[in-house]
C-alpha atoms as a PDB file:
ATOM      1  CA  MET A   1     -17.765  29.031   1.130  1.00  0.00           C
ATOM      2  CA  LEU A   2     -14.186  29.951   1.845  1.00  0.00           C
ATOM      3  CA  SER A   3     -13.496  33.411   3.156  1.00  0.00           C
ATOM      4  CA  GLY A   4     -10.773  36.026   2.704  1.00  0.00           C
ATOM      5  CA  LYS A   5      -7.164  34.834   2.840  1.00  0.00           C
ATOM      6  CA  LEU A   6      -8.133  31.161   3.007  1.00  0.00           C
ATOM      7  CA  ALA A   7     -10.050  31.450  -0.269  1.00  0.00           C
ATOM      8  CA  ARG A   8      -7.093  33.166  -1.970  1.00  0.00           C
ATOM      9  CA  VAL A   9      -4.715  30.459  -0.744  1.00  0.00           C
ATOM     10  CA  LEU A  10      -6.915  27.401  -1.346  1.00  0.00           C
ATOM     11  CA  GLY A  11      -8.723  28.653  -4.453  1.00  0.00           C
ATOM     12  CA  PRO A  12      -6.012  27.632  -6.950  1.00  0.00           C
ATOM     13  CA  VAL A  13      -5.533  24.287  -5.171  1.00  0.00           C
ATOM     14  CA  THR A  14      -9.207  23.325  -4.949  1.00  0.00           C
ATOM     15  CA  SER A  15      -9.880  24.356  -8.548  1.00  0.00           C
ATOM     16  CA  ARG A  16      -7.381  21.685  -9.684  1.00  0.00           C
ATOM     17  CA  LEU A  17      -8.768  18.832  -7.613  1.00  0.00           C
ATOM     18  CA  PRO A  18     -10.699  16.138  -9.499  1.00  0.00           C
ATOM     19  CA  GLU A  19     -14.453  16.236  -9.018  1.00  0.00           C
ATOM     20  CA  LEU A  20     -17.328  13.819  -9.340  1.00  0.00           C
ATOM     21  CA  ALA A  21     -19.721  13.895 -12.284  1.00  0.00           C
ATOM     22  CA  LEU A  22     -22.850  11.805 -12.836  1.00  0.00           C
ATOM     23  CA  VAL A  23     -23.454   9.946 -16.096  1.00  0.00           C
ATOM     24  CA  ALA A  24     -27.120  10.222 -17.057  1.00  0.00           C
ATOM     25  CA  GLY A  25     -28.578   8.153 -19.871  1.00  0.00           C
ATOM     26  CA  GLN A  26     -27.392   5.261 -21.992  1.00  0.00           C
ATOM     27  CA  SER A  27     -25.142   7.048 -24.489  1.00  0.00           C
ATOM     28  CA  MET A  28     -21.858   5.778 -22.983  1.00  0.00           C
ATOM     29  CA  GLU A  29     -22.897   2.139 -22.455  1.00  0.00           C
ATOM     30  CA  PRO A  30     -21.331  -0.350 -22.078  1.00  0.00           C
ATOM     31  CA  SER A  31     -18.319   1.640 -20.783  1.00  0.00           C
ATOM     32  CA  LEU A  32     -20.326   3.914 -18.473  1.00  0.00           C
ATOM     33  CA  GLY A  33     -23.928   3.124 -17.649  1.00  0.00           C
ATOM     34  CA  ASP A  34     -26.758   5.376 -16.529  1.00  0.00           C
ATOM     35  CA  GLY A  35     -26.146   6.425 -12.924  1.00  0.00           C
ATOM     36  CA  ALA A  36     -22.371   5.843 -12.984  1.00  0.00           C
ATOM     37  CA  TRP A  37     -20.196   8.360 -11.161  1.00  0.00           C
ATOM     38  CA  VAL A  38     -16.902   9.403 -12.717  1.00  0.00           C
ATOM     39  CA  LEU A  39     -13.920  11.339 -11.450  1.00  0.00           C
ATOM     40  CA  ALA A  40     -13.025  14.228 -13.767  1.00  0.00           C
ATOM     41  CA  ARG A  41     -10.122  16.668 -13.896  1.00  0.00           C
ATOM     42  CA  ARG A  42     -10.929  20.261 -14.763  1.00  0.00           C
ATOM     43  CA  PRO A  43      -9.893  22.160 -16.768  1.00  0.00           C
ATOM     44  CA  VAL A  44      -8.658  20.210 -19.772  1.00  0.00           C
ATOM     45  CA  ALA A  45      -4.875  20.372 -19.877  1.00  0.00           C
ATOM     46  CA  GLY A  46      -3.208  19.983 -23.268  1.00  0.00           C
ATOM     47  CA  ASP A  47      -4.791  18.683 -26.424  1.00  0.00           C
ATOM     48  CA  PRO A  48      -7.554  16.072 -26.264  1.00  0.00           C
ATOM     49  CA  ARG A  49      -6.500  12.594 -27.376  1.00  0.00           C
ATOM     50  CA  LEU A  50      -8.481  10.268 -29.588  1.00  0.00           C
ATOM     51  CA  GLY A  51     -10.498   7.867 -27.460  1.00  0.00           C
ATOM     52  CA  GLN A  52     -10.283  10.036 -24.344  1.00  0.00           C
ATOM     53  CA  VAL A  53     -13.493  10.328 -22.298  1.00  0.00           C
ATOM     54  CA  VAL A  54     -14.309  13.979 -21.639  1.00  0.00           C
ATOM     55  CA  LEU A  55     -16.897  16.327 -20.195  1.00  0.00           C
ATOM     56  CA  VAL A  56     -18.195  18.725 -22.854  1.00  0.00           C
ATOM     57  CA  GLU A  57     -20.685  21.558 -22.692  1.00  0.00           C
ATOM     58  CA  HIS A  58     -23.658  20.941 -24.980  1.00  0.00           C
ATOM     59  CA  PRO A  59     -23.422  23.562 -27.761  1.00  0.00           C
ATOM     60  CA  LEU A  60     -27.185  24.196 -27.785  1.00  0.00           C
ATOM     61  CA  ARG A  61     -27.751  24.065 -23.999  1.00  0.00           C
ATOM     62  CA  PRO A  62     -25.228  26.327 -22.227  1.00  0.00           C
ATOM     63  CA  GLY A  63     -24.258  24.987 -18.813  1.00  0.00           C
ATOM     64  CA  PHE A  64     -25.434  21.424 -19.616  1.00  0.00           C
ATOM     65  CA  GLU A  65     -22.545  18.963 -19.708  1.00  0.00           C
ATOM     66  CA  LEU A  66     -22.254  15.630 -21.496  1.00  0.00           C
ATOM     67  CA  VAL A  67     -19.871  12.715 -20.993  1.00  0.00           C
ATOM     68  CA  LYS A  68     -18.517  11.662 -24.405  1.00  0.00           C
ATOM     69  CA  ARG A  69     -15.506  10.096 -26.090  1.00  0.00           C
ATOM     70  CA  VAL A  70     -13.207  12.103 -28.392  1.00  0.00           C
ATOM     71  CA  SER A  71     -13.490  10.504 -31.827  1.00  0.00           C
ATOM     72  CA  ALA A  72     -11.684  13.104 -33.984  1.00  0.00           C
ATOM     73  CA  VAL A  73      -9.567  16.219 -33.468  1.00  0.00           C
ATOM     74  CA  SER A  74      -8.850  18.986 -35.979  1.00  0.00           C
ATOM     75  CA  ARG A  75      -5.704  20.766 -34.779  1.00  0.00           C
ATOM     76  CA  GLU A  76      -5.756  23.601 -37.335  1.00  0.00           C
ATOM     77  CA  ARG A  77      -9.358  24.602 -36.609  1.00  0.00           C
ATOM     78  CA  GLU A  78      -9.434  23.747 -32.894  1.00  0.00           C
ATOM     79  CA  LEU A  79     -12.461  21.472 -33.358  1.00  0.00           C
ATOM     80  CA  VAL A  80     -13.272  18.219 -31.575  1.00  0.00           C
ATOM     81  CA  TRP A  81     -15.706  15.502 -32.687  1.00  0.00           C
ATOM     82  CA  VAL A  82     -17.280  13.608 -29.772  1.00  0.00           C
ATOM     83  CA  SER A  83     -19.348  10.431 -29.733  1.00  0.00           C
ATOM     84  CA  GLY A  84     -21.131   8.230 -27.268  1.00  0.00           C
ATOM     85  CA  ASP A  85     -20.081   4.593 -27.076  1.00  0.00           C
ATOM     86  CA  ASN A  86     -23.711   3.588 -27.681  1.00  0.00           C
ATOM     87  CA  LEU A  87     -24.132   5.238 -31.082  1.00  0.00           C
ATOM     88  CA  GLU A  88     -27.827   4.356 -31.340  1.00  0.00           C
ATOM     89  CA  ARG A  89     -28.694   6.234 -28.130  1.00  0.00           C
ATOM     90  CA  SER A  90     -26.279   9.147 -28.155  1.00  0.00           C
ATOM     91  CA  SER A  91     -26.699  12.875 -28.586  1.00  0.00           C
ATOM     92  CA  ASP A  92     -23.251  13.778 -29.904  1.00  0.00           C
ATOM     93  CA  SER A  93     -21.392  15.329 -32.845  1.00  0.00           C
ATOM     94  CA  GLU A  94     -23.514  13.245 -35.269  1.00  0.00           C
ATOM     95  CA  GLU A  95     -26.371  15.469 -34.108  1.00  0.00           C
ATOM     96  CA  PHE A  96     -24.743  18.862 -33.393  1.00  0.00           C
ATOM     97  CA  GLY A  97     -21.482  18.703 -35.360  1.00  0.00           C
ATOM     98  CA  PRO A  98     -17.905  19.269 -34.236  1.00  0.00           C
ATOM     99  CA  LEU A  99     -17.343  21.279 -31.077  1.00  0.00           C
ATOM    100  CA  PRO A 100     -14.969  24.159 -30.532  1.00  0.00           C
ATOM    101  CA  ARG A 101     -12.189  23.019 -28.191  1.00  0.00           C
ATOM    102  CA  GLY A 102     -13.386  25.694 -25.746  1.00  0.00           C
ATOM    103  CA  LEU A 103     -16.445  23.568 -24.935  1.00  0.00           C
ATOM    104  CA  LEU A 104     -14.267  20.820 -23.424  1.00  0.00           C
ATOM    105  CA  ARG A 105     -14.802  21.135 -19.671  1.00  0.00           C
ATOM    106  CA  GLY A 106     -12.880  18.204 -18.214  1.00  0.00           C
ATOM    107  CA  VAL A 107     -11.162  14.872 -18.720  1.00  0.00           C
ATOM    108  CA  VAL A 108     -12.713  11.783 -17.137  1.00  0.00           C
ATOM    109  CA  LEU A 109     -10.067   9.887 -15.187  1.00  0.00           C
ATOM    110  CA  ALA A 110     -11.946   6.976 -13.628  1.00  0.00           C
ATOM    111  CA  ARG A 111     -15.320   5.446 -12.965  1.00  0.00           C
ATOM    112  CA  VAL A 112     -15.826   5.399  -9.201  1.00  0.00           C
ATOM    113  CA  ARG A 113     -19.404   4.160  -8.906  1.00  0.00           C
ATOM    114  CA  PRO A 114     -20.805   1.604  -9.213  1.00  0.00           C
ATOM    115  CA  LEU A 115     -17.958  -0.292  -7.614  1.00  0.00           C
ATOM    116  CA  PRO A 116     -15.454  -1.626  -8.446  1.00  0.00           C
ATOM    117  CA  TRP A 117     -13.997   1.600  -9.778  1.00  0.00           C
ATOM    118  CA  ARG A 118     -11.507   1.518 -12.644  1.00  0.00           C
ATOM    119  CA  TRP A 119      -9.282   3.914 -14.566  1.00  0.00           C
ATOM    120  CA  LEU A 120     -10.565   4.839 -17.992  1.00  0.00           C
ATOM    121  CA  ARG A 121      -8.339   4.289 -20.988  1.00  0.00           C
ATOM    122  CA  ALA A 122      -8.586   5.647 -24.488  1.00  0.00           C
ATOM    123  CA  ASP A 123      -9.558   2.276 -25.971  1.00  0.00           C
ATOM    124  CA  PRO A 124     -13.177   1.451 -24.982  1.00  0.00           C
ATOM    125  CA  SER A 125     -12.466  -2.293 -25.246  1.00  0.00           C
ATOM    126  CA  GLN A 126     -10.053  -1.953 -22.280  1.00  0.00           C
ATOM    127  CA  ILE A 127     -12.752  -0.532 -20.009  1.00  0.00           C
ATOM    128  CA  ALA A 128     -15.297  -3.361 -19.912  1.00  0.00           C
END
């Protein structure tokens, strides 16, 4: 915990630093396997892009986050459709519908574990 003045000074800086998130399950295979660690930027800045890998809060389990890929965006209604890369083993918008943009929690920048790490791109075929 940071205290007093240090917290006020470092708070805005540390809240913008990327953080690690664990991928659990097979829904993002082959791009991100079970047990992979990713580097994510919070909060989401700007509009989500198609193909972007994001952290989203599960709409039926507050506080529980999922790693998914943006597969559709509705600008006028502020809705985002997310999917896993492994459609047969994914809990995503096929199951719970489109998500309000407010449930986007972060943008995944890179896979850091298992090594070798690599930057994630919007096109899943570029990740393998």
